[in-house]
Amino acid sequence: MIDLHTHTTASDGTLTPTQLVEEASRLNLKALAVTDHDTVDGLAEGERACTEKGIAFIPGIEIEIDYEGGEFHLLGLGIYEWKGAFWEKLQILQVHRLERNLHILAKMQADGLPVEYEEIKRLAGGDIVGRPHIAQYMVQKGLARSIEDAFSRFISPGKPYYARKKALSLREGVDLIHSAGGKAMIAHPATLYIGSQQVEKVLRSYKEVGIDGIEAYHPRITIAEGAQWAELADRLGLLVSAGSDFHGPALPDRSLGRSSEGMWIEDRFALPFIPDSCGILKV
C-alpha cells in the first residue's frame, strides 16, 4: 500500500522525514509522498530515507490557495524538479505565513494572553510555523484543553484569533506546481464547501485553469463520499489520489497508509505520479 498526503517536522507534522519513512517501512508501504505545507525542506531527507528502505519516493507539497467560503489547498505530487528555481519561488509563501502568524499573536496579545512567537518557533522545531503549532502552544500554556479545542474556539475561521493568510491564486498555484514537473491536485475537496448542484461546473472551471485531479479519499469523509468524488473526477477526465493527511500522533484520526474510514490506500493511486522507470510498484 501507499500514502500520497503526509506531513513532517519540516512543516506541522510531529515526525521527522526519516521517522515518517521508518513508520512507512514498518507498515510495508510501497510508495510515499511527503507533502509539507509551503515547503520542500523535508524532501531531500525523505528521499534518502526512502531509497534506503526501498520505498518509491514521490516529492510533493501542499499549497494554500486564495479562496472565499472554505479552505482550498493544492497538493503538488511528483514535483521532481523541486530544487533551485522552484525553492526560490516558495520563499514568498514563507513571508505570507509569517505575516499571518504575527497577526494571530497580535490579536492574542491584545487580549492580554501570555504568548511569545519565539517560544512557538522553538516548539515547532523549525522555520515553518503553522496554526497547529500555535494550538499546541495554547494547550501548553493552559489556554486551551486540546489542539482541537484551540482550533474550535480560537483560531479557526470566524473565531476571535483567526487571521487569514495571504495566498496564491489558483492559476499561480497550478503554474508553480507544474513548473516543478508535478501534478496539481485539489486536496480534501470537501473543504471547498461547494453545493452539490454547482460542484461539477466549478471543477470544470478549475480544470480549465490547469487542475490535474482531486484527492477523492481523505480521512475526514466516508468511502461512499470518496467514491462520488472519484466518479466525478473520472467523468471530467481528472486524476484521482488518496491520502491520509498524516501529521503524527497529535492527530490520531489519521493513520499512515489509510484514508476514508480506515481504508488502505492502494498502490494504483500512485502510478500517475512516479516515473515510468520506477519498478518498485511493479514487483
Foldseek 3Di string as FASTA:
>chain_A
DEFAAEEDLQAQFDHQLLRVLVVCLVVVHQEYEYAEELAQVRVVVNVVNCVVSNHHYWYKYKFWADAPDFTWIKIWTQLQQCPDPLRVVSVVVLVLQVVQVVQLVVLVVVVVDPDDVVVLCVQSVDSHGDLLSVLVVCCVVVNAVASVRCQVAAADPPHRRHDDTDGHHLLVVQVSSVVSVTAIETEPVVRNVDDPVCVLVVVLVSVVSPHQYYALWAQVDAPVSSVVRVVSCVVSVHAYAHHQNYRPPSPVSGDHQATHPRHGGDPVSCVVRGDPPDCSNVD
